[in-house]
Amino acid sequence: MTTDEQMVRLVEAVLDGGFADRPVDNELLADALHLSLASVASYLQEANARSLLSGERAARRPGPWYTNLEVSSQGHRFLASRGTDA
């Protein structure tokens, strides 16, 4: 289980990734957050369960693997409740 601080970092990275020159996916997040792909997959699984992010599932490992990730309305509310929504 991830902490709220870890989840804030993940959701903020997805927001920041919108400015990247490639779609936001597990690999981009692993690079941005300096985490393993397995850790990112675990974080994304929880973020998806909490409806904080939306994206397309891809058949890559370690799974779940997502591409074209975006912050959902619930994700924006989550950040705003912590005073971090941009």
PDB file of N, CA and C in Angstrom:
ATOM      1  N   MET A   1       0.843  -1.180   0.000  1.00  0.00           N
ATOM      2  CA  MET A   1       0.000   0.000   0.000  1.00  0.00           C
ATOM      3  C   MET A   1       0.887   1.242   0.000  1.00  0.00           C
ATOM      4  N   THR A   2       0.529   2.181  -0.837  1.00  0.00           N
ATOM      5  CA  THR A   2       1.314   3.404  -0.921  1.00  0.00           C
ATOM      6  C   THR A   2       0.792   4.443   0.066  1.00  0.00           C
ATOM      7  N   THR A   3       1.670   5.331   0.450  1.00  0.00           N
ATOM      8  CA  THR A   3       1.264   6.427   1.331  1.00  0.00           C
ATOM      9  C   THR A   3       0.641   7.527   0.477  1.00  0.00           C
ATOM     10  N   ASP A   4      -0.077   8.440   1.122  1.00  0.00           N
ATOM     11  CA  ASP A   4      -0.652   9.565   0.388  1.00  0.00           C
ATOM     12  C   ASP A   4       0.449  10.413  -0.243  1.00  0.00           C
ATOM     13  N   GLU A   5       1.584  10.554   0.432  1.00  0.00           N
ATOM     14  CA  GLU A   5       2.699  11.327  -0.124  1.00  0.00           C
ATOM     15  C   GLU A   5       3.203  10.696  -1.422  1.00  0.00           C
ATOM     16  N   GLN A   6       3.335   9.370  -1.439  1.00  0.00           N
ATOM     17  CA  GLN A   6       3.770   8.680  -2.651  1.00  0.00           C
ATOM     18  C   GLN A   6       2.737   8.851  -3.761  1.00  0.00           C
ATOM     19  N   MET A   7       1.450   8.796  -3.398  1.00  0.00           N
ATOM     20  CA  MET A   7       0.397   8.944  -4.387  1.00  0.00           C
ATOM     21  C   MET A   7       0.376  10.359  -4.950  1.00  0.00           C
ATOM     22  N   VAL A   8       0.620  11.361  -4.101  1.00  0.00           N
ATOM     23  CA  VAL A   8       0.702  12.749  -4.574  1.00  0.00           C
ATOM     24  C   VAL A   8       1.840  12.870  -5.584  1.00  0.00           C
ATOM     25  N   ARG A   9       2.991  12.303  -5.275  1.00  0.00           N
ATOM     26  CA  ARG A   9       4.142  12.359  -6.197  1.00  0.00           C
ATOM     27  C   ARG A   9       3.800  11.720  -7.540  1.00  0.00           C
ATOM     28  N   LEU A  10       3.102  10.591  -7.506  1.00  0.00           N
ATOM     29  CA  LEU A  10       2.728   9.891  -8.734  1.00  0.00           C
ATOM     30  C   LEU A  10       1.769  10.741  -9.563  1.00  0.00           C
ATOM     31  N   VAL A  11       0.711  11.247  -8.931  1.00  0.00           N
ATOM     32  CA  VAL A  11      -0.292  12.026  -9.659  1.00  0.00           C
ATOM     33  C   VAL A  11       0.331  13.311 -10.206  1.00  0.00           C
ATOM     34  N   GLU A  12       1.173  13.964  -9.414  1.00  0.00           N
ATOM     35  CA  GLU A  12       1.856  15.167  -9.900  1.00  0.00           C
ATOM     36  C   GLU A  12       2.777  14.843 -11.079  1.00  0.00           C
ATOM     37  N   ALA A  13       3.427  13.691 -11.054  1.00  0.00           N
ATOM     38  CA  ALA A  13       4.300  13.290 -12.162  1.00  0.00           C
ATOM     39  C   ALA A  13       3.490  13.070 -13.434  1.00  0.00           C
ATOM     40  N   VAL A  14       2.288  12.521 -13.300  1.00  0.00           N
ATOM     41  CA  VAL A  14       1.430  12.352 -14.476  1.00  0.00           C
ATOM     42  C   VAL A  14       1.046  13.724 -15.023  1.00  0.00           C
ATOM     43  N   LEU A  15       0.702  14.658 -14.136  1.00  0.00           N
ATOM     44  CA  LEU A  15       0.397  16.026 -14.576  1.00  0.00           C
ATOM     45  C   LEU A  15       1.594  16.636 -15.306  1.00  0.00           C
ATOM     46  N   ASP A  16       2.760  16.542 -14.708  1.00  0.00           N
ATOM     47  CA  ASP A  16       3.978  17.094 -15.316  1.00  0.00           C
ATOM     48  C   ASP A  16       4.311  16.382 -16.621  1.00  0.00           C
ATOM     49  N   GLY A  17       4.023  15.100 -16.695  1.00  0.00           N
ATOM     50  CA  GLY A  17       4.313  14.316 -17.891  1.00  0.00           C
ATOM     51  C   GLY A  17       3.518  14.743 -19.102  1.00  0.00           C
ATOM     52  N   GLY A  18       2.443  15.479 -18.867  1.00  0.00           N
ATOM     53  CA  GLY A  18       1.662  15.991 -19.980  1.00  0.00           C
ATOM     54  C   GLY A  18       2.465  16.932 -20.867  1.00  0.00           C
ATOM     55  N   PHE A  19       3.601  17.423 -20.351  1.00  0.00           N
ATOM     56  CA  PHE A  19       4.463  18.318 -21.106  1.00  0.00           C
ATOM     57  C   PHE A  19       5.604  17.568 -21.796  1.00  0.00           C
ATOM     58  N   ALA A  20       5.652  16.265 -21.626  1.00  0.00           N
ATOM     59  CA  ALA A  20       6.709  15.450 -22.237  1.00  0.00           C
ATOM     60  C   ALA A  20       6.447  15.297 -23.730  1.00  0.00           C
ATOM     61  N   ASP A  21       7.461  14.890 -24.446  1.00  0.00           N
ATOM     62  CA  ASP A  21       7.310  14.708 -25.889  1.00  0.00           C
ATOM     63  C   ASP A  21       6.895  13.285 -26.242  1.00  0.00           C
ATOM     64  N   ARG A  22       6.399  12.566 -25.263  1.00  0.00           N
ATOM     65  CA  ARG A  22       5.895  11.202 -25.483  1.00  0.00           C
ATOM     66  C   ARG A  22       4.754  10.942 -24.512  1.00  0.00           C
ATOM     67  N   PRO A  23       3.904   9.951 -24.819  1.00  0.00           N
ATOM     68  CA  PRO A  23       2.780   9.659 -23.923  1.00  0.00           C
ATOM     69  C   PRO A  23       3.263   9.247 -22.534  1.00  0.00           C
ATOM     70  N   VAL A  24       2.512   9.627 -21.524  1.00  0.00           N
ATOM     71  CA  VAL A  24       2.855   9.255 -20.153  1.00  0.00           C
ATOM     72  C   VAL A  24       2.533   7.778 -19.966  1.00  0.00           C
ATOM     73  N   ASP A  25       3.554   7.023 -19.585  1.00  0.00           N
ATOM     74  CA  ASP A  25       3.384   5.598 -19.327  1.00  0.00           C
ATOM     75  C   ASP A  25       4.255   5.198 -18.132  1.00  0.00           C
ATOM     76  N   ASN A  26       4.247   3.922 -17.828  1.00  0.00           N
ATOM     77  CA  ASN A  26       5.006   3.417 -16.686  1.00  0.00           C
ATOM     78  C   ASN A  26       6.484   3.784 -16.773  1.00  0.00           C
ATOM     79  N   GLU A  27       7.051   3.659 -17.956  1.00  0.00           N
ATOM     80  CA  GLU A  27       8.483   3.920 -18.123  1.00  0.00           C
ATOM     81  C   GLU A  27       8.824   5.388 -17.859  1.00  0.00           C
ATOM     82  N   LEU A  28       8.012   6.304 -18.393  1.00  0.00           N
ATOM     83  CA  LEU A  28       8.245   7.725 -18.158  1.00  0.00           C
ATOM     84  C   LEU A  28       8.154   8.028 -16.668  1.00  0.00           C
ATOM     85  N   LEU A  29       7.155   7.454 -15.990  1.00  0.00           N
ATOM     86  CA  LEU A  29       6.996   7.686 -14.552  1.00  0.00           C
ATOM     87  C   LEU A  29       8.151   7.097 -13.752  1.00  0.00           C
ATOM     88  N   ALA A  30       8.619   5.910 -14.136  1.00  0.00           N
ATOM     89  CA  ALA A  30       9.752   5.298 -13.436  1.00  0.00           C
ATOM     90  C   ALA A  30      10.982   6.192 -13.539  1.00  0.00           C
ATOM     91  N   ASP A  31      11.213   6.755 -14.730  1.00  0.00           N
ATOM     92  CA  ASP A  31      12.343   7.668 -14.921  1.00  0.00           C
ATOM     93  C   ASP A  31      12.168   8.937 -14.092  1.00  0.00           C
ATOM     94  N   ALA A  32      10.979   9.525 -14.131  1.00  0.00           N
ATOM     95  CA  ALA A  32      10.725  10.791 -13.446  1.00  0.00           C
ATOM     96  C   ALA A  32      10.801  10.658 -11.931  1.00  0.00           C
ATOM     97  N   LEU A  33      10.319   9.524 -11.421  1.00  0.00           N
ATOM     98  CA  LEU A  33      10.251   9.333  -9.969  1.00  0.00           C
ATOM     99  C   LEU A  33      11.430   8.545  -9.408  1.00  0.00           C
ATOM    100  N   HIS A  34      12.319   8.089 -10.279  1.00  0.00           N
ATOM    101  CA  HIS A  34      13.477   7.286  -9.868  1.00  0.00           C
ATOM    102  C   HIS A  34      13.029   6.041  -9.102  1.00  0.00           C
ATOM    103  N   LEU A  35      12.055   5.345  -9.688  1.00  0.00           N
ATOM    104  CA  LEU A  35      11.517   4.113  -9.104  1.00  0.00           C
ATOM    105  C   LEU A  35      11.670   2.976 -10.088  1.00  0.00           C
ATOM    106  N   SER A  36      11.560   1.761  -9.583  1.00  0.00           N
ATOM    107  CA  SER A  36      11.579   0.599 -10.458  1.00  0.00           C
ATOM    108  C   SER A  36      10.247   0.504 -11.200  1.00  0.00           C
ATOM    109  N   LEU A  37      10.259  -0.197 -12.325  1.00  0.00           N
ATOM    110  CA  LEU A  37       9.018  -0.406 -13.071  1.00  0.00           C
ATOM    111  C   LEU A  37       8.001  -1.181 -12.243  1.00  0.00           C
ATOM    112  N   ALA A  38       8.468  -2.108 -11.420  1.00  0.00           N
ATOM    113  CA  ALA A  38       7.553  -2.880 -10.565  1.00  0.00           C
ATOM    114  C   ALA A  38       6.871  -1.970  -9.542  1.00  0.00           C
ATOM    115  N   SER A  39       7.617  -1.035  -8.960  1.00  0.00           N
ATOM    116  CA  SER A  39       7.023  -0.100  -7.997  1.00  0.00           C
ATOM    117  C   SER A  39       5.990   0.790  -8.672  1.00  0.00           C
ATOM    118  N   VAL A  40       6.323   1.297  -9.853  1.00  0.00           N
ATOM    119  CA  VAL A  40       5.382   2.151 -10.584  1.00  0.00           C
ATOM    120  C   VAL A  40       4.113   1.374 -10.900  1.00  0.00           C
ATOM    121  N   ALA A  41       4.241   0.130 -11.335  1.00  0.00           N
ATOM    122  CA  ALA A  41       3.063  -0.688 -11.637  1.00  0.00           C
ATOM    123  C   ALA A  41       2.186  -0.850 -10.405  1.00  0.00           C
ATOM    124  N   SER A  42       2.792  -1.065  -9.260  1.00  0.00           N
ATOM    125  CA  SER A  42       2.044  -1.194  -8.012  1.00  0.00           C
ATOM    126  C   SER A  42       1.326   0.100  -7.659  1.00  0.00           C
ATOM    127  N   TYR A  43       2.023   1.221  -7.777  1.00  0.00           N
ATOM    128  CA  TYR A  43       1.419   2.531  -7.495  1.00  0.00           C
ATOM    129  C   TYR A  43       0.258   2.798  -8.448  1.00  0.00           C
ATOM    130  N   LEU A  44       0.456   2.478  -9.735  1.00  0.00           N
ATOM    131  CA  LEU A  44      -0.598   2.722 -10.715  1.00  0.00           C
ATOM    132  C   LEU A  44      -1.821   1.846 -10.467  1.00  0.00           C
ATOM    133  N   GLN A  45      -1.580   0.636 -10.003  1.00  0.00           N
ATOM    134  CA  GLN A  45      -2.701  -0.243  -9.684  1.00  0.00           C
ATOM    135  C   GLN A  45      -3.566   0.388  -8.588  1.00  0.00           C
ATOM    136  N   GLU A  46      -2.930   0.934  -7.565  1.00  0.00           N
ATOM    137  CA  GLU A  46      -3.680   1.584  -6.489  1.00  0.00           C
ATOM    138  C   GLU A  46      -4.326   2.876  -6.968  1.00  0.00           C
ATOM    139  N   ALA A  47      -3.590   3.670  -7.748  1.00  0.00           N
ATOM    140  CA  ALA A  47      -4.155   4.929  -8.260  1.00  0.00           C
ATOM    141  C   ALA A  47      -5.383   4.657  -9.118  1.00  0.00           C
ATOM    142  N   ASN A  48      -5.329   3.605  -9.912  1.00  0.00           N
ATOM    143  CA  ASN A  48      -6.473   3.233 -10.742  1.00  0.00           C
ATOM    144  C   ASN A  48      -7.643   2.790  -9.868  1.00  0.00           C
ATOM    145  N   ALA A  49      -7.369   2.017  -8.834  1.00  0.00           N
ATOM    146  CA  ALA A  49      -8.430   1.564  -7.922  1.00  0.00           C
ATOM    147  C   ALA A  49      -9.077   2.744  -7.213  1.00  0.00           C
ATOM    148  N   ARG A  50      -8.304   3.805  -6.972  1.00  0.00           N
ATOM    149  CA  ARG A  50      -8.829   5.006  -6.306  1.00  0.00           C
ATOM    150  C   ARG A  50      -9.382   6.017  -7.307  1.00  0.00           C
ATOM    151  N   SER A  51      -9.397   5.653  -8.588  1.00  0.00           N
ATOM    152  CA  SER A  51      -9.915   6.503  -9.678  1.00  0.00           C
ATOM    153  C   SER A  51      -9.193   7.833  -9.789  1.00  0.00           C
ATOM    154  N   LEU A  52      -7.894   7.837  -9.505  1.00  0.00           N
ATOM    155  CA  LEU A  52      -7.112   9.069  -9.568  1.00  0.00           C
ATOM    156  C   LEU A  52      -6.556   9.329 -10.966  1.00  0.00           C
ATOM    157  N   LEU A  53      -6.418   8.275 -11.757  1.00  0.00           N
ATOM    158  CA  LEU A  53      -5.830   8.370 -13.086  1.00  0.00           C
ATOM    159  C   LEU A  53      -6.669   7.574 -14.080  1.00  0.00           C
ATOM    160  N   SER A  54      -6.523   7.929 -15.335  1.00  0.00           N
ATOM    161  CA  SER A  54      -7.114   7.115 -16.394  1.00  0.00           C
ATOM    162  C   SER A  54      -6.056   6.916 -17.462  1.00  0.00           C
ATOM    163  N   GLY A  55      -6.154   5.826 -18.168  1.00  0.00           N
ATOM    164  CA  GLY A  55      -5.190   5.526 -19.215  1.00  0.00           C
ATOM    165  C   GLY A  55      -5.568   4.249 -19.925  1.00  0.00           C
ATOM    166  N   GLU A  56      -4.801   3.933 -20.935  1.00  0.00           N
ATOM    167  CA  GLU A  56      -5.026   2.728 -21.722  1.00  0.00           C
ATOM    168  C   GLU A  56      -4.114   1.619 -21.222  1.00  0.00           C
ATOM    169  N   ARG A  57      -4.704   0.442 -21.013  1.00  0.00           N
ATOM    170  CA  ARG A  57      -3.886  -0.707 -20.613  1.00  0.00           C
ATOM    171  C   ARG A  57      -3.088  -1.195 -21.802  1.00  0.00           C
ATOM    172  N   ALA A  58      -1.869  -1.596 -21.543  1.00  0.00           N
ATOM    173  CA  ALA A  58      -0.996  -2.143 -22.574  1.00  0.00           C
ATOM    174  C   ALA A  58      -0.478  -3.493 -22.107  1.00  0.00           C
ATOM    175  N   ALA A  59      -0.114  -4.319 -23.054  1.00  0.00           N
ATOM    176  CA  ALA A  59       0.355  -5.679 -22.750  1.00  0.00           C
ATOM    177  C   ALA A  59       1.867  -5.690 -22.571  1.00  0.00           C
ATOM    178  N   ARG A  60       2.341  -4.948 -21.593  1.00  0.00           N
ATOM    179  CA  ARG A  60       3.759  -4.940 -21.261  1.00  0.00           C
ATOM    180  C   ARG A  60       3.927  -5.332 -19.813  1.00  0.00           C
ATOM    181  N   ARG A  61       5.106  -5.728 -19.456  1.00  0.00           N
ATOM    182  CA  ARG A  61       5.417  -6.143 -18.094  1.00  0.00           C
ATOM    183  C   ARG A  61       6.471  -5.222 -17.510  1.00  0.00           C
ATOM    184  N   PRO A  62       6.522  -5.022 -16.202  1.00  0.00           N
ATOM    185  CA  PRO A  62       5.575  -5.583 -15.241  1.00  0.00           C
ATOM    186  C   PRO A  62       4.240  -4.845 -15.310  1.00  0.00           C
ATOM    187  N   GLY A  63       3.192  -5.597 -15.112  1.00  0.00           N
ATOM    188  CA  GLY A  63       1.840  -5.037 -15.218  1.00  0.00           C
ATOM    189  C   GLY A  63       1.276  -4.717 -13.859  1.00  0.00           C
ATOM    190  N   PRO A  64       0.264  -3.924 -13.816  1.00  0.00           N
ATOM    191  CA  PRO A  64      -0.401  -3.362 -14.980  1.00  0.00           C
ATOM    192  C   PRO A  64       0.439  -2.239 -15.605  1.00  0.00           C
ATOM    193  N   TRP A  65       0.418  -2.211 -16.934  1.00  0.00           N
ATOM    194  CA  TRP A  65       1.139  -1.198 -17.684  1.00  0.00           C
ATOM    195  C   TRP A  65       0.101  -0.297 -18.333  1.00  0.00           C
ATOM    196  N   TYR A  66       0.286   1.008 -18.179  1.00  0.00           N
ATOM    197  CA  TYR A  66      -0.635   1.981 -18.755  1.00  0.00           C
ATOM    198  C   TYR A  66       0.117   2.929 -19.670  1.00  0.00           C
ATOM    199  N   THR A  67      -0.579   3.416 -20.671  1.00  0.00           N
ATOM    200  CA  THR A  67      -0.052   4.450 -21.550  1.00  0.00           C
ATOM    201  C   THR A  67      -1.119   5.528 -21.695  1.00  0.00           C
ATOM    202  N   ASN A  68      -0.705   6.681 -22.168  1.00  0.00           N
ATOM    203  CA  ASN A  68      -1.612   7.831 -22.305  1.00  0.00           C
ATOM    204  C   ASN A  68      -2.303   8.152 -20.980  1.00  0.00           C
ATOM    205  N   LEU A  69      -1.547   8.101 -19.910  1.00  0.00           N
ATOM    206  CA  LEU A  69      -2.107   8.381 -18.582  1.00  0.00           C
ATOM    207  C   LEU A  69      -2.478   9.852 -18.440  1.00  0.00           C
ATOM    208  N   GLU A  70      -3.600  10.074 -17.782  1.00  0.00           N
ATOM    209  CA  GLU A  70      -4.081  11.414 -17.481  1.00  0.00           C
ATOM    210  C   GLU A  70      -4.649  11.426 -16.073  1.00  0.00           C
ATOM    211  N   VAL A  71      -4.626  12.591 -15.456  1.00  0.00           N
ATOM    212  CA  VAL A  71      -5.205  12.744 -14.123  1.00  0.00           C
ATOM    213  C   VAL A  71      -6.713  12.911 -14.281  1.00  0.00           C
ATOM    214  N   SER A  72      -7.458  12.140 -13.532  1.00  0.00           N
ATOM    215  CA  SER A  72      -8.917  12.206 -13.581  1.00  0.00           C
ATOM    216  C   SER A  72      -9.425  13.355 -12.719  1.00  0.00           C
ATOM    217  N   SER A  73     -10.722  13.604 -12.798  1.00  0.00           N
ATOM    218  CA  SER A  73     -11.335  14.630 -11.934  1.00  0.00           C
ATOM    219  C   SER A  73     -11.093  14.288 -10.473  1.00  0.00           C
ATOM    220  N   GLN A  74     -11.215  13.010 -10.135  1.00  0.00           N
ATOM    221  CA  GLN A  74     -10.966  12.566  -8.758  1.00  0.00           C
ATOM    222  C   GLN A  74      -9.509  12.824  -8.377  1.00  0.00           C
ATOM    223  N   GLY A  75      -8.594  12.631  -9.308  1.00  0.00           N
ATOM    224  CA  GLY A  75      -7.182  12.902  -9.053  1.00  0.00           C
ATOM    225  C   GLY A  75      -6.925  14.373  -8.785  1.00  0.00           C
ATOM    226  N   HIS A  76      -7.598  15.247  -9.543  1.00  0.00           N
ATOM    227  CA  HIS A  76      -7.454  16.691  -9.301  1.00  0.00           C
ATOM    228  C   HIS A  76      -8.010  17.057  -7.925  1.00  0.00           C
ATOM    229  N   ARG A  77      -9.141  16.457  -7.546  1.00  0.00           N
ATOM    230  CA  ARG A  77      -9.701  16.721  -6.212  1.00  0.00           C
ATOM    231  C   ARG A  77      -8.754  16.227  -5.125  1.00  0.00           C
ATOM    232  N   PHE A  78      -8.141  15.062  -5.352  1.00  0.00           N
ATOM    233  CA  PHE A  78      -7.181  14.503  -4.400  1.00  0.00           C
ATOM    234  C   PHE A  78      -6.027  15.484  -4.181  1.00  0.00           C
ATOM    235  N   LEU A  79      -5.463  16.015  -5.277  1.00  0.00           N
ATOM    236  CA  LEU A  79      -4.365  16.977  -5.149  1.00  0.00           C
ATOM    237  C   LEU A  79      -4.838  18.269  -4.490  1.00  0.00           C
ATOM    238  N   ALA A  80      -6.003  18.744  -4.869  1.00  0.00           N
ATOM    239  CA  ALA A  80      -6.520  19.983  -4.303  1.00  0.00           C
ATOM    240  C   ALA A  80      -6.744  19.848  -2.790  1.00  0.00           C
ATOM    241  N   SER A  81      -7.161  18.682  -2.360  1.00  0.00           N
ATOM    242  CA  SER A  81      -7.397  18.471  -0.933  1.00  0.00           C
ATOM    243  C   SER A  81      -6.098  18.500  -0.134  1.00  0.00           C
ATOM    244  N   ARG A  82      -4.981  18.339  -0.833  1.00  0.00           N
ATOM    245  CA  ARG A  82      -3.668  18.406  -0.193  1.00  0.00           C
ATOM    246  C   ARG A  82      -2.950  19.700  -0.520  1.00  0.00           C
ATOM    247  N   GLY A  83      -3.666  20.605  -1.200  1.00  0.00           N
ATOM    248  CA  GLY A  83      -3.081  21.906  -1.519  1.00  0.00           C
ATOM    249  C   GLY A  83      -1.991  21.870  -2.557  1.00  0.00           C
ATOM    250  N   THR A  84      -2.005  20.847  -3.433  1.00  0.00           N
ATOM    251  CA  THR A  84      -0.923  20.719  -4.399  1.00  0.00           C
ATOM    252  C   THR A  84      -1.394  20.767  -5.846  1.00  0.00           C
ATOM    253  N   ASP A  85      -2.691  20.919  -6.097  1.00  0.00           N
ATOM    254  CA  ASP A  85      -3.192  20.897  -7.473  1.00  0.00           C
ATOM    255  C   ASP A  85      -2.748  22.142  -8.208  1.00  0.00           C
ATOM    256  N   ALA A  86      -2.129  21.919  -9.369  1.00  0.00           N
ATOM    257  CA  ALA A  86      -1.637  23.039 -10.180  1.00  0.00           C
ATOM    258  C   ALA A  86      -2.731  23.633 -11.039  1.00  0.00           C
TER     259      ALA A  86
END
